[in-house]
Amino acid sequence: MINGAHVIIYSRDAEADRAFFRDVLEYPHVDVGGGWLIFKLPPTEVAVHPTDGPETQELYLMCDDVVATVTNLAARGVEFTRPVTDARWGRLTRFRLPGGGEVGLYEPRHERATDL
């Protein structure tokens, strides 16, 4: 039986992004050798959305209060690339990883599958 998922973020500066997840987000991790850190994520959901364009993947981290989380992370030097906006399904923003990639952050308004 499948018992988990492994998410991969490709980065132009993997070392800096690993340090971000370790030091800024303070995610627990294991070092599997050679500085390769694998992080424990909070409870996670997966959604499948239709597209007419290229098939892509996105990473959104969830929180209970997006404004408070933005304030906390901005005080730690995190650069937000979009203001907090409202959508039918939640409040969302995006921030930049040190390696140049972006990650979404949102406060869901819907029932969370992680609560099942």
PDB file of N, CA and C in Angstrom:
ATOM      1  N   MET A   1       0.840  -1.184   0.000  1.00  0.00           N
ATOM      2  CA  MET A   1       0.000   0.000   0.000  1.00  0.00           C
ATOM      3  C   MET A   1       0.879   1.239   0.000  1.00  0.00           C
ATOM      4  N   ILE A   2       0.488   2.255  -0.737  1.00  0.00           N
ATOM      5  CA  ILE A   2       1.219   3.532  -0.742  1.00  0.00           C
ATOM      6  C   ILE A   2       1.054   4.163   0.625  1.00  0.00           C
ATOM      7  N   ASN A   3       2.177   4.622   1.209  1.00  0.00           N
ATOM      8  CA  ASN A   3       2.112   5.173   2.566  1.00  0.00           C
ATOM      9  C   ASN A   3       2.683   6.578   2.680  1.00  0.00           C
ATOM     10  N   GLY A   4       2.927   7.227   1.554  1.00  0.00           N
ATOM     11  CA  GLY A   4       3.453   8.584   1.609  1.00  0.00           C
ATOM     12  C   GLY A   4       3.693   9.122   0.221  1.00  0.00           C
ATOM     13  N   ALA A   5       4.232  10.334   0.166  1.00  0.00           N
ATOM     14  CA  ALA A   5       4.578  10.976  -1.100  1.00  0.00           C
ATOM     15  C   ALA A   5       5.901  11.694  -0.915  1.00  0.00           C
ATOM     16  N   HIS A   6       6.649  11.838  -1.981  1.00  0.00           N
ATOM     17  CA  HIS A   6       7.939  12.524  -1.951  1.00  0.00           C
ATOM     18  C   HIS A   6       7.864  13.659  -2.970  1.00  0.00           C
ATOM     19  N   VAL A   7       7.955  14.891  -2.516  1.00  0.00           N
ATOM     20  CA  VAL A   7       7.880  16.072  -3.367  1.00  0.00           C
ATOM     21  C   VAL A   7       9.301  16.513  -3.693  1.00  0.00           C
ATOM     22  N   ILE A   8       9.563  16.852  -4.949  1.00  0.00           N
ATOM     23  CA  ILE A   8      10.888  17.329  -5.354  1.00  0.00           C
ATOM     24  C   ILE A   8      10.748  18.746  -5.904  1.00  0.00           C
ATOM     25  N   ILE A   9      11.590  19.643  -5.407  1.00  0.00           N
ATOM     26  CA  ILE A   9      11.676  21.004  -5.936  1.00  0.00           C
ATOM     27  C   ILE A   9      13.010  21.098  -6.659  1.00  0.00           C
ATOM     28  N   TYR A  10      12.978  21.355  -7.950  1.00  0.00           N
ATOM     29  CA  TYR A  10      14.215  21.558  -8.702  1.00  0.00           C
ATOM     30  C   TYR A  10      14.633  23.006  -8.538  1.00  0.00           C
ATOM     31  N   SER A  11      15.910  23.222  -8.280  1.00  0.00           N
ATOM     32  CA  SER A  11      16.391  24.559  -7.920  1.00  0.00           C
ATOM     33  C   SER A  11      17.720  24.865  -8.594  1.00  0.00           C
ATOM     34  N   ARG A  12      17.910  26.132  -8.923  1.00  0.00           N
ATOM     35  CA  ARG A  12      19.205  26.584  -9.445  1.00  0.00           C
ATOM     36  C   ARG A  12      20.217  26.767  -8.317  1.00  0.00           C
ATOM     37  N   ASP A  13      19.745  26.806  -7.059  1.00  0.00           N
ATOM     38  CA  ASP A  13      20.622  26.895  -5.889  1.00  0.00           C
ATOM     39  C   ASP A  13      20.028  26.021  -4.785  1.00  0.00           C
ATOM     40  N   ALA A  14      20.164  24.711  -4.961  1.00  0.00           N
ATOM     41  CA  ALA A  14      19.550  23.751  -4.045  1.00  0.00           C
ATOM     42  C   ALA A  14      20.055  23.935  -2.614  1.00  0.00           C
ATOM     43  N   GLU A  15      21.336  24.244  -2.451  1.00  0.00           N
ATOM     44  CA  GLU A  15      21.884  24.420  -1.103  1.00  0.00           C
ATOM     45  C   GLU A  15      21.186  25.564  -0.370  1.00  0.00           C
ATOM     46  N   ALA A  16      20.978  26.681  -1.065  1.00  0.00           N
ATOM     47  CA  ALA A  16      20.307  27.833  -0.451  1.00  0.00           C
ATOM     48  C   ALA A  16      18.846  27.503  -0.125  1.00  0.00           C
ATOM     49  N   ASP A  17      18.179  26.787  -1.028  1.00  0.00           N
ATOM     50  CA  ASP A  17      16.780  26.436  -0.775  1.00  0.00           C
ATOM     51  C   ASP A  17      16.666  25.429   0.361  1.00  0.00           C
ATOM     52  N   ARG A  18      17.618  24.501   0.470  1.00  0.00           N
ATOM     53  CA  ARG A  18      17.610  23.570   1.603  1.00  0.00           C
ATOM     54  C   ARG A  18      17.806  24.335   2.912  1.00  0.00           C
ATOM     55  N   ALA A  19      18.713  25.294   2.912  1.00  0.00           N
ATOM     56  CA  ALA A  19      18.945  26.108   4.110  1.00  0.00           C
ATOM     57  C   ALA A  19      17.683  26.890   4.471  1.00  0.00           C
ATOM     58  N   PHE A  20      16.944  27.361   3.467  1.00  0.00           N
ATOM     59  CA  PHE A  20      15.695  28.084   3.701  1.00  0.00           C
ATOM     60  C   PHE A  20      14.681  27.194   4.408  1.00  0.00           C
ATOM     61  N   PHE A  21      14.473  25.988   3.897  1.00  0.00           N
ATOM     62  CA  PHE A  21      13.524  25.070   4.526  1.00  0.00           C
ATOM     63  C   PHE A  21      13.989  24.684   5.931  1.00  0.00           C
ATOM     64  N   ARG A  22      15.301  24.544   6.116  1.00  0.00           N
ATOM     65  CA  ARG A  22      15.848  24.168   7.427  1.00  0.00           C
ATOM     66  C   ARG A  22      15.809  25.328   8.412  1.00  0.00           C
ATOM     67  N   ASP A  23      16.304  26.507   8.003  1.00  0.00           N
ATOM     68  CA  ASP A  23      16.534  27.615   8.935  1.00  0.00           C
ATOM     69  C   ASP A  23      15.376  28.603   9.029  1.00  0.00           C
ATOM     70  N   VAL A  24      14.703  28.877   7.926  1.00  0.00           N
ATOM     71  CA  VAL A  24      13.622  29.865   7.943  1.00  0.00           C
ATOM     72  C   VAL A  24      12.287  29.195   8.261  1.00  0.00           C
ATOM     73  N   LEU A  25      11.955  28.132   7.527  1.00  0.00           N
ATOM     74  CA  LEU A  25      10.697  27.435   7.793  1.00  0.00           C
ATOM     75  C   LEU A  25      10.812  26.472   8.961  1.00  0.00           C
ATOM     76  N   GLU A  26      12.041  26.149   9.345  1.00  0.00           N
ATOM     77  CA  GLU A  26      12.343  25.270  10.483  1.00  0.00           C
ATOM     78  C   GLU A  26      11.665  23.909  10.365  1.00  0.00           C
ATOM     79  N   TYR A  27      11.681  23.346   9.148  1.00  0.00           N
ATOM     80  CA  TYR A  27      11.118  22.022   8.939  1.00  0.00           C
ATOM     81  C   TYR A  27      12.083  20.967   9.457  1.00  0.00           C
ATOM     82  N   PRO A  28      11.587  19.980  10.199  1.00  0.00           N
ATOM     83  CA  PRO A  28      12.443  18.864  10.610  1.00  0.00           C
ATOM     84  C   PRO A  28      12.964  18.156   9.362  1.00  0.00           C
ATOM     85  N   HIS A  29      14.149  17.572   9.472  1.00  0.00           N
ATOM     86  CA  HIS A  29      14.751  16.954   8.289  1.00  0.00           C
ATOM     87  C   HIS A  29      15.706  15.835   8.675  1.00  0.00           C
ATOM     88  N   VAL A  30      16.049  15.049   7.678  1.00  0.00           N
ATOM     89  CA  VAL A  30      17.105  14.057   7.807  1.00  0.00           C
ATOM     90  C   VAL A  30      18.152  14.389   6.763  1.00  0.00           C
ATOM     91  N   ASP A  31      19.403  14.123   7.087  1.00  0.00           N
ATOM     92  CA  ASP A  31      20.500  14.287   6.144  1.00  0.00           C
ATOM     93  C   ASP A  31      20.819  12.900   5.614  1.00  0.00           C
ATOM     94  N   VAL A  32      20.560  12.687   4.335  1.00  0.00           N
ATOM     95  CA  VAL A  32      20.765  11.368   3.752  1.00  0.00           C
ATOM     96  C   VAL A  32      22.163  11.216   3.166  1.00  0.00           C
ATOM     97  N   GLY A  33      23.033  12.171   3.499  1.00  0.00           N
ATOM     98  CA  GLY A  33      24.428  12.108   3.067  1.00  0.00           C
ATOM     99  C   GLY A  33      24.761  13.193   2.071  1.00  0.00           C
ATOM    100  N   GLY A  34      25.960  13.705   2.177  1.00  0.00           N
ATOM    101  CA  GLY A  34      26.433  14.710   1.234  1.00  0.00           C
ATOM    102  C   GLY A  34      25.672  16.015   1.272  1.00  0.00           C
ATOM    103  N   GLY A  35      25.036  16.331   2.394  1.00  0.00           N
ATOM    104  CA  GLY A  35      24.273  17.576   2.491  1.00  0.00           C
ATOM    105  C   GLY A  35      22.881  17.498   1.897  1.00  0.00           C
ATOM    106  N   TRP A  36      22.483  16.326   1.432  1.00  0.00           N
ATOM    107  CA  TRP A  36      21.145  16.151   0.876  1.00  0.00           C
ATOM    108  C   TRP A  36      20.151  16.025   2.021  1.00  0.00           C
ATOM    109  N   LEU A  37      19.368  17.080   2.221  1.00  0.00           N
ATOM    110  CA  LEU A  37      18.374  17.103   3.288  1.00  0.00           C
ATOM    111  C   LEU A  37      17.010  16.740   2.724  1.00  0.00           C
ATOM    112  N   ILE A  38      16.291  15.906   3.452  1.00  0.00           N
ATOM    113  CA  ILE A  38      14.908  15.589   3.100  1.00  0.00           C
ATOM    114  C   ILE A  38      14.055  16.052   4.270  1.00  0.00           C
ATOM    115  N   PHE A  39      13.044  16.858   3.955  1.00  0.00           N
ATOM    116  CA  PHE A  39      12.253  17.535   4.974  1.00  0.00           C
ATOM    117  C   PHE A  39      10.922  16.844   5.228  1.00  0.00           C
ATOM    118  N   LYS A  40      10.542  16.853   6.481  1.00  0.00           N
ATOM    119  CA  LYS A  40       9.211  16.401   6.866  1.00  0.00           C
ATOM    120  C   LYS A  40       8.252  17.548   6.587  1.00  0.00           C
ATOM    121  N   LEU A  41       7.227  17.284   5.815  1.00  0.00           N
ATOM    122  CA  LEU A  41       6.221  18.290   5.525  1.00  0.00           C
ATOM    123  C   LEU A  41       5.064  18.176   6.510  1.00  0.00           C
ATOM    124  N   PRO A  42       4.337  19.277   6.669  1.00  0.00           N
ATOM    125  CA  PRO A  42       3.104  19.196   7.445  1.00  0.00           C
ATOM    126  C   PRO A  42       2.124  18.277   6.705  1.00  0.00           C
ATOM    127  N   PRO A  43       1.001  17.926   7.325  1.00  0.00           N
ATOM    128  CA  PRO A  43       0.007  17.127   6.598  1.00  0.00           C
ATOM    129  C   PRO A  43      -0.250  17.739   5.228  1.00  0.00           C
ATOM    130  N   THR A  44      -0.385  16.895   4.231  1.00  0.00           N
ATOM    131  CA  THR A  44      -0.388  17.349   2.845  1.00  0.00           C
ATOM    132  C   THR A  44      -1.625  16.854   2.105  1.00  0.00           C
ATOM    133  N   GLU A  45      -2.064  17.643   1.153  1.00  0.00           N
ATOM    134  CA  GLU A  45      -3.164  17.282   0.268  1.00  0.00           C
ATOM    135  C   GLU A  45      -2.643  17.288  -1.168  1.00  0.00           C
ATOM    136  N   VAL A  46      -3.352  16.667  -2.063  1.00  0.00           N
ATOM    137  CA  VAL A  46      -3.044  16.755  -3.487  1.00  0.00           C
ATOM    138  C   VAL A  46      -4.355  17.031  -4.226  1.00  0.00           C
ATOM    139  N   ALA A  47      -4.298  17.923  -5.182  1.00  0.00           N
ATOM    140  CA  ALA A  47      -5.463  18.248  -6.012  1.00  0.00           C
ATOM    141  C   ALA A  47      -5.066  18.075  -7.468  1.00  0.00           C
ATOM    142  N   VAL A  48      -6.022  17.704  -8.298  1.00  0.00           N
ATOM    143  CA  VAL A  48      -5.784  17.553  -9.735  1.00  0.00           C
ATOM    144  C   VAL A  48      -6.672  18.562 -10.449  1.00  0.00           C
ATOM    145  N   HIS A  49      -6.036  19.470 -11.187  1.00  0.00           N
ATOM    146  CA  HIS A  49      -6.760  20.523 -11.887  1.00  0.00           C
ATOM    147  C   HIS A  49      -6.666  20.289 -13.396  1.00  0.00           C
ATOM    148  N   PRO A  50      -7.717  20.597 -14.144  1.00  0.00           N
ATOM    149  CA  PRO A  50      -7.655  20.455 -15.600  1.00  0.00           C
ATOM    150  C   PRO A  50      -6.814  21.561 -16.214  1.00  0.00           C
ATOM    151  N   THR A  51      -6.231  21.284 -17.371  1.00  0.00           N
ATOM    152  CA  THR A  51      -5.472  22.296 -18.096  1.00  0.00           C
ATOM    153  C   THR A  51      -5.545  22.024 -19.589  1.00  0.00           C
ATOM    154  N   ASP A  52      -5.532  23.093 -20.362  1.00  0.00           N
ATOM    155  CA  ASP A  52      -5.388  22.975 -21.810  1.00  0.00           C
ATOM    156  C   ASP A  52      -3.948  23.256 -22.209  1.00  0.00           C
ATOM    157  N   GLY A  53      -3.156  23.738 -21.256  1.00  0.00           N
ATOM    158  CA  GLY A  53      -1.757  24.063 -21.503  1.00  0.00           C
ATOM    159  C   GLY A  53      -0.853  22.924 -21.084  1.00  0.00           C
ATOM    160  N   PRO A  54       0.418  23.239 -20.860  1.00  0.00           N
ATOM    161  CA  PRO A  54       1.358  22.197 -20.451  1.00  0.00           C
ATOM    162  C   PRO A  54       1.018  21.652 -19.066  1.00  0.00           C
ATOM    163  N   GLU A  55       1.308  20.390 -18.868  1.00  0.00           N
ATOM    164  CA  GLU A  55       1.092  19.780 -17.562  1.00  0.00           C
ATOM    165  C   GLU A  55       2.225  20.200 -16.641  1.00  0.00           C
ATOM    166  N   THR A  56       1.882  20.820 -15.526  1.00  0.00           N
ATOM    167  CA  THR A  56       2.877  21.310 -14.576  1.00  0.00           C
ATOM    168  C   THR A  56       2.455  20.915 -13.171  1.00  0.00           C
ATOM    169  N   GLN A  57       3.323  21.173 -12.224  1.00  0.00           N
ATOM    170  CA  GLN A  57       3.016  20.953 -10.816  1.00  0.00           C
ATOM    171  C   GLN A  57       3.312  22.241 -10.063  1.00  0.00           C
ATOM    172  N   GLU A  58       2.601  22.450  -8.974  1.00  0.00           N
ATOM    173  CA  GLU A  58       2.826  23.606  -8.122  1.00  0.00           C
ATOM    174  C   GLU A  58       2.877  23.147  -6.676  1.00  0.00           C
ATOM    175  N   LEU A  59       3.583  23.885  -5.855  1.00  0.00           N
ATOM    176  CA  LEU A  59       3.629  23.622  -4.428  1.00  0.00           C
ATOM    177  C   LEU A  59       3.018  24.810  -3.706  1.00  0.00           C
ATOM    178  N   TYR A  60       1.983  24.538  -2.932  1.00  0.00           N
ATOM    179  CA  TYR A  60       1.379  25.527  -2.055  1.00  0.00           C
ATOM    180  C   TYR A  60       1.510  25.016  -0.637  1.00  0.00           C
ATOM    181  N   LEU A  61       2.061  25.831   0.241  1.00  0.00           N
ATOM    182  CA  LEU A  61       2.066  25.522   1.666  1.00  0.00           C
ATOM    183  C   LEU A  61       0.816  26.154   2.263  1.00  0.00           C
ATOM    184  N   MET A  62       0.189  25.486   3.219  1.00  0.00           N
ATOM    185  CA  MET A  62      -1.052  25.967   3.805  1.00  0.00           C
ATOM    186  C   MET A  62      -0.806  26.507   5.207  1.00  0.00           C
ATOM    187  N   CYS A  63      -1.646  27.454   5.609  1.00  0.00           N
ATOM    188  CA  CYS A  63      -1.567  28.016   6.956  1.00  0.00           C
ATOM    189  C   CYS A  63      -2.976  28.371   7.412  1.00  0.00           C
ATOM    190  N   ASP A  64      -3.110  28.640   8.699  1.00  0.00           N
ATOM    191  CA  ASP A  64      -4.411  29.015   9.248  1.00  0.00           C
ATOM    192  C   ASP A  64      -4.693  30.503   9.139  1.00  0.00           C
ATOM    193  N   ASP A  65      -3.650  31.332   9.048  1.00  0.00           N
ATOM    194  CA  ASP A  65      -3.799  32.790   8.990  1.00  0.00           C
ATOM    195  C   ASP A  65      -2.718  33.327   8.065  1.00  0.00           C
ATOM    196  N   VAL A  66      -3.073  33.569   6.811  1.00  0.00           N
ATOM    197  CA  VAL A  66      -2.074  33.955   5.815  1.00  0.00           C
ATOM    198  C   VAL A  66      -1.423  35.303   6.141  1.00  0.00           C
ATOM    199  N   VAL A  67      -2.180  36.248   6.659  1.00  0.00           N
ATOM    200  CA  VAL A  67      -1.600  37.565   6.970  1.00  0.00           C
ATOM    201  C   VAL A  67      -0.569  37.439   8.085  1.00  0.00           C
ATOM    202  N   ALA A  68      -0.888  36.700   9.133  1.00  0.00           N
ATOM    203  CA  ALA A  68       0.068  36.505  10.227  1.00  0.00           C
ATOM    204  C   ALA A  68       1.301  35.751   9.750  1.00  0.00           C
ATOM    205  N   THR A  69       1.114  34.756   8.872  1.00  0.00           N
ATOM    206  CA  THR A  69       2.246  33.991   8.361  1.00  0.00           C
ATOM    207  C   THR A  69       3.127  34.850   7.471  1.00  0.00           C
ATOM    208  N   VAL A  70       2.528  35.668   6.634  1.00  0.00           N
ATOM    209  CA  VAL A  70       3.297  36.593   5.788  1.00  0.00           C
ATOM    210  C   VAL A  70       4.103  37.548   6.662  1.00  0.00           C
ATOM    211  N   THR A  71       3.478  38.094   7.682  1.00  0.00           N
ATOM    212  CA  THR A  71       4.170  39.013   8.588  1.00  0.00           C
ATOM    213  C   THR A  71       5.368  38.337   9.240  1.00  0.00           C
ATOM    214  N   ASN A  72       5.161  37.113   9.728  1.00  0.00           N
ATOM    215  CA  ASN A  72       6.231  36.361  10.378  1.00  0.00           C
ATOM    216  C   ASN A  72       7.369  36.054   9.413  1.00  0.00           C
ATOM    217  N   LEU A  73       7.051  35.574   8.228  1.00  0.00           N
ATOM    218  CA  LEU A  73       8.099  35.214   7.266  1.00  0.00           C
ATOM    219  C   LEU A  73       8.803  36.445   6.698  1.00  0.00           C
ATOM    220  N   ALA A  74       8.064  37.521   6.463  1.00  0.00           N
ATOM    221  CA  ALA A  74       8.689  38.748   5.958  1.00  0.00           C
ATOM    222  C   ALA A  74       9.695  39.288   6.971  1.00  0.00           C
ATOM    223  N   ALA A  75       9.394  39.162   8.260  1.00  0.00           N
ATOM    224  CA  ALA A  75      10.324  39.606   9.300  1.00  0.00           C
ATOM    225  C   ALA A  75      11.595  38.763   9.301  1.00  0.00           C
ATOM    226  N   ARG A  76      11.520  37.574   8.708  1.00  0.00           N
ATOM    227  CA  ARG A  76      12.682  36.692   8.616  1.00  0.00           C
ATOM    228  C   ARG A  76      13.381  36.835   7.269  1.00  0.00           C
ATOM    229  N   GLY A  77      12.985  37.843   6.490  1.00  0.00           N
ATOM    230  CA  GLY A  77      13.656  38.129   5.235  1.00  0.00           C
ATOM    231  C   GLY A  77      13.073  37.474   3.999  1.00  0.00           C
ATOM    232  N   VAL A  78      11.916  36.833   4.125  1.00  0.00           N
ATOM    233  CA  VAL A  78      11.306  36.173   2.978  1.00  0.00           C
ATOM    234  C   VAL A  78      10.701  37.228   2.050  1.00  0.00           C
ATOM    235  N   GLU A  79      10.971  37.091   0.750  1.00  0.00           N
ATOM    236  CA  GLU A  79      10.465  38.023  -0.258  1.00  0.00           C
ATOM    237  C   GLU A  79       9.161  37.489  -0.841  1.00  0.00           C
ATOM    238  N   PHE A  80       8.089  38.245  -0.673  1.00  0.00           N
ATOM    239  CA  PHE A  80       6.802  37.873  -1.252  1.00  0.00           C
ATOM    240  C   PHE A  80       6.681  38.515  -2.622  1.00  0.00           C
ATOM    241  N   THR A  81       6.256  37.733  -3.607  1.00  0.00           N
ATOM    242  CA  THR A  81       6.208  38.194  -4.989  1.00  0.00           C
ATOM    243  C   THR A  81       4.824  38.629  -5.424  1.00  0.00           C
ATOM    244  N   ARG A  82       3.830  38.343  -4.595  1.00  0.00           N
ATOM    245  CA  ARG A  82       2.455  38.755  -4.883  1.00  0.00           C
ATOM    246  C   ARG A  82       1.778  39.146  -3.586  1.00  0.00           C
ATOM    247  N   PRO A  83       0.900  40.133  -3.647  1.00  0.00           N
ATOM    248  CA  PRO A  83       0.150  40.485  -2.432  1.00  0.00           C
ATOM    249  C   PRO A  83      -0.850  39.381  -2.097  1.00  0.00           C
ATOM    250  N   VAL A  84      -1.337  39.394  -0.880  1.00  0.00           N
ATOM    251  CA  VAL A  84      -2.381  38.450  -0.486  1.00  0.00           C
ATOM    252  C   VAL A  84      -3.648  38.811  -1.254  1.00  0.00           C
ATOM    253  N   THR A  85      -4.230  37.819  -1.921  1.00  0.00           N
ATOM    254  CA  THR A  85      -5.468  38.029  -2.666  1.00  0.00           C
ATOM    255  C   THR A  85      -6.507  37.018  -2.186  1.00  0.00           C
ATOM    256  N   ASP A  86      -7.758  37.347  -2.466  1.00  0.00           N
ATOM    257  CA  ASP A  86      -8.863  36.465  -2.105  1.00  0.00           C
ATOM    258  C   ASP A  86      -9.328  35.697  -3.328  1.00  0.00           C
ATOM    259  N   ALA A  87      -9.538  34.406  -3.137  1.00  0.00           N
ATOM    260  CA  ALA A  87     -10.133  33.548  -4.155  1.00  0.00           C
ATOM    261  C   ALA A  87     -11.304  32.825  -3.498  1.00  0.00           C
ATOM    262  N   ARG A  88     -12.147  32.240  -4.297  1.00  0.00           N
ATOM    263  CA  ARG A  88     -13.290  31.506  -3.764  1.00  0.00           C
ATOM    264  C   ARG A  88     -12.847  30.460  -2.756  1.00  0.00           C
ATOM    265  N   TRP A  89     -11.725  29.823  -2.995  1.00  0.00           N
ATOM    266  CA  TRP A  89     -11.246  28.697  -2.181  1.00  0.00           C
ATOM    267  C   TRP A  89     -10.282  29.083  -1.078  1.00  0.00           C
ATOM    268  N   GLY A  90      -9.840  30.368  -1.020  1.00  0.00           N
ATOM    269  CA  GLY A  90      -8.948  30.773   0.059  1.00  0.00           C
ATOM    270  C   GLY A  90      -8.243  32.084  -0.216  1.00  0.00           C
ATOM    271  N   ARG A  91      -7.366  32.442   0.706  1.00  0.00           N
ATOM    272  CA  ARG A  91      -6.535  33.650   0.575  1.00  0.00           C
ATOM    273  C   ARG A  91      -5.132  33.181   0.242  1.00  0.00           C
ATOM    274  N   LEU A  92      -4.498  33.795  -0.757  1.00  0.00           N
ATOM    275  CA  LEU A  92      -3.224  33.272  -1.213  1.00  0.00           C
ATOM    276  C   LEU A  92      -2.221  34.352  -1.573  1.00  0.00           C
ATOM    277  N   THR A  93      -0.962  33.932  -1.594  1.00  0.00           N
ATOM    278  CA  THR A  93       0.168  34.762  -1.999  1.00  0.00           C
ATOM    279  C   THR A  93       1.255  33.819  -2.507  1.00  0.00           C
ATOM    280  N   ARG A  94       2.378  34.375  -2.882  1.00  0.00           N
ATOM    281  CA  ARG A  94       3.536  33.584  -3.325  1.00  0.00           C
ATOM    282  C   ARG A  94       4.793  34.220  -2.752  1.00  0.00           C
ATOM    283  N   PHE A  95       5.804  33.368  -2.472  1.00  0.00           N
ATOM    284  CA  PHE A  95       7.095  33.891  -2.028  1.00  0.00           C
ATOM    285  C   PHE A  95       8.209  33.230  -2.806  1.00  0.00           C
ATOM    286  N   ARG A  96       9.353  33.922  -2.816  1.00  0.00           N
ATOM    287  CA  ARG A  96      10.503  33.460  -3.583  1.00  0.00           C
ATOM    288  C   ARG A  96      11.445  32.660  -2.702  1.00  0.00           C
ATOM    289  N   LEU A  97      11.897  31.528  -3.233  1.00  0.00           N
ATOM    290  CA  LEU A  97      12.950  30.756  -2.585  1.00  0.00           C
ATOM    291  C   LEU A  97      14.296  31.387  -2.924  1.00  0.00           C
ATOM    292  N   PRO A  98      15.317  31.194  -2.106  1.00  0.00           N
ATOM    293  CA  PRO A  98      16.630  31.777  -2.403  1.00  0.00           C
ATOM    294  C   PRO A  98      17.176  31.357  -3.765  1.00  0.00           C
ATOM    295  N   GLY A  99      16.833  30.154  -4.239  1.00  0.00           N
ATOM    296  CA  GLY A  99      17.305  29.677  -5.534  1.00  0.00           C
ATOM    297  C   GLY A  99      16.568  30.269  -6.718  1.00  0.00           C
ATOM    298  N   GLY A 100      15.538  31.110  -6.463  1.00  0.00           N
ATOM    299  CA  GLY A 100      14.821  31.790  -7.532  1.00  0.00           C
ATOM    300  C   GLY A 100      13.428  31.265  -7.799  1.00  0.00           C
ATOM    301  N   GLY A 101      13.115  30.046  -7.357  1.00  0.00           N
ATOM    302  CA  GLY A 101      11.781  29.495  -7.565  1.00  0.00           C
ATOM    303  C   GLY A 101      10.758  30.160  -6.671  1.00  0.00           C
ATOM    304  N   GLU A 102       9.496  29.890  -6.938  1.00  0.00           N
ATOM    305  CA  GLU A 102       8.416  30.450  -6.127  1.00  0.00           C
ATOM    306  C   GLU A 102       7.565  29.340  -5.542  1.00  0.00           C
ATOM    307  N   VAL A 103       7.033  29.596  -4.361  1.00  0.00           N
ATOM    308  CA  VAL A 103       6.143  28.673  -3.667  1.00  0.00           C
ATOM    309  C   VAL A 103       4.890  29.455  -3.297  1.00  0.00           C
ATOM    310  N   GLY A 104       3.747  28.821  -3.450  1.00  0.00           N
ATOM    311  CA  GLY A 104       2.494  29.441  -3.048  1.00  0.00           C
ATOM    312  C   GLY A 104       2.248  29.236  -1.559  1.00  0.00           C
ATOM    313  N   LEU A 105       1.507  30.136  -0.978  1.00  0.00           N
ATOM    314  CA  LEU A 105       1.103  30.054   0.422  1.00  0.00           C
ATOM    315  C   LEU A 105      -0.374  30.410   0.463  1.00  0.00           C
ATOM    316  N   TYR A 106      -1.177  29.558   1.104  1.00  0.00           N
ATOM    317  CA  TYR A 106      -2.588  29.914   1.177  1.00  0.00           C
ATOM    318  C   TYR A 106      -3.265  29.440   2.439  1.00  0.00           C
ATOM    319  N   GLU A 107      -4.311  30.192   2.754  1.00  0.00           N
ATOM    320  CA  GLU A 107      -5.202  29.918   3.880  1.00  0.00           C
ATOM    321  C   GLU A 107      -6.498  29.388   3.284  1.00  0.00           C
ATOM    322  N   PRO A 108      -6.735  28.082   3.358  1.00  0.00           N
ATOM    323  CA  PRO A 108      -7.920  27.529   2.708  1.00  0.00           C
ATOM    324  C   PRO A 108      -9.222  27.955   3.379  1.00  0.00           C
ATOM    325  N   ARG A 109     -10.239  28.116   2.555  1.00  0.00           N
ATOM    326  CA  ARG A 109     -11.593  28.385   3.053  1.00  0.00           C
ATOM    327  C   ARG A 109     -12.438  27.117   3.008  1.00  0.00           C
ATOM    328  N   HIS A 110     -11.925  26.099   2.379  1.00  0.00           N
ATOM    329  CA  HIS A 110     -12.671  24.857   2.209  1.00  0.00           C
ATOM    330  C   HIS A 110     -12.302  23.857   3.300  1.00  0.00           C
ATOM    331  N   GLU A 111     -13.097  22.812   3.405  1.00  0.00           N
ATOM    332  CA  GLU A 111     -12.751  21.718   4.308  1.00  0.00           C
ATOM    333  C   GLU A 111     -11.398  21.153   3.882  1.00  0.00           C
ATOM    334  N   ARG A 112     -10.546  20.858   4.842  1.00  0.00           N
ATOM    335  CA  ARG A 112      -9.201  20.365   4.531  1.00  0.00           C
ATOM    336  C   ARG A 112      -9.191  18.842   4.533  1.00  0.00           C
ATOM    337  N   ALA A 113      -8.657  18.278   3.464  1.00  0.00           N
ATOM    338  CA  ALA A 113      -8.528  16.823   3.389  1.00  0.00           C
ATOM    339  C   ALA A 113      -7.602  16.313   4.492  1.00  0.00           C
ATOM    340  N   THR A 114      -6.687  17.166   4.980  1.00  0.00           N
ATOM    341  CA  THR A 114      -5.775  16.756   6.054  1.00  0.00           C
ATOM    342  C   THR A 114      -6.532  16.511   7.359  1.00  0.00           C
ATOM    343  N   ASP A 115      -7.772  16.987   7.450  1.00  0.00           N
ATOM    344  CA  ASP A 115      -8.560  16.791   8.654  1.00  0.00           C
ATOM    345  C   ASP A 115      -9.345  15.473   8.644  1.00  0.00           C
ATOM    346  N   LEU A 116      -9.277  14.747   7.541  1.00  0.00           N
ATOM    347  CA  LEU A 116     -10.012  13.474   7.437  1.00  0.00           C
ATOM    348  C   LEU A 116      -9.394  12.410   8.312  1.00  0.00           C
TER     349      LEU A 116
END
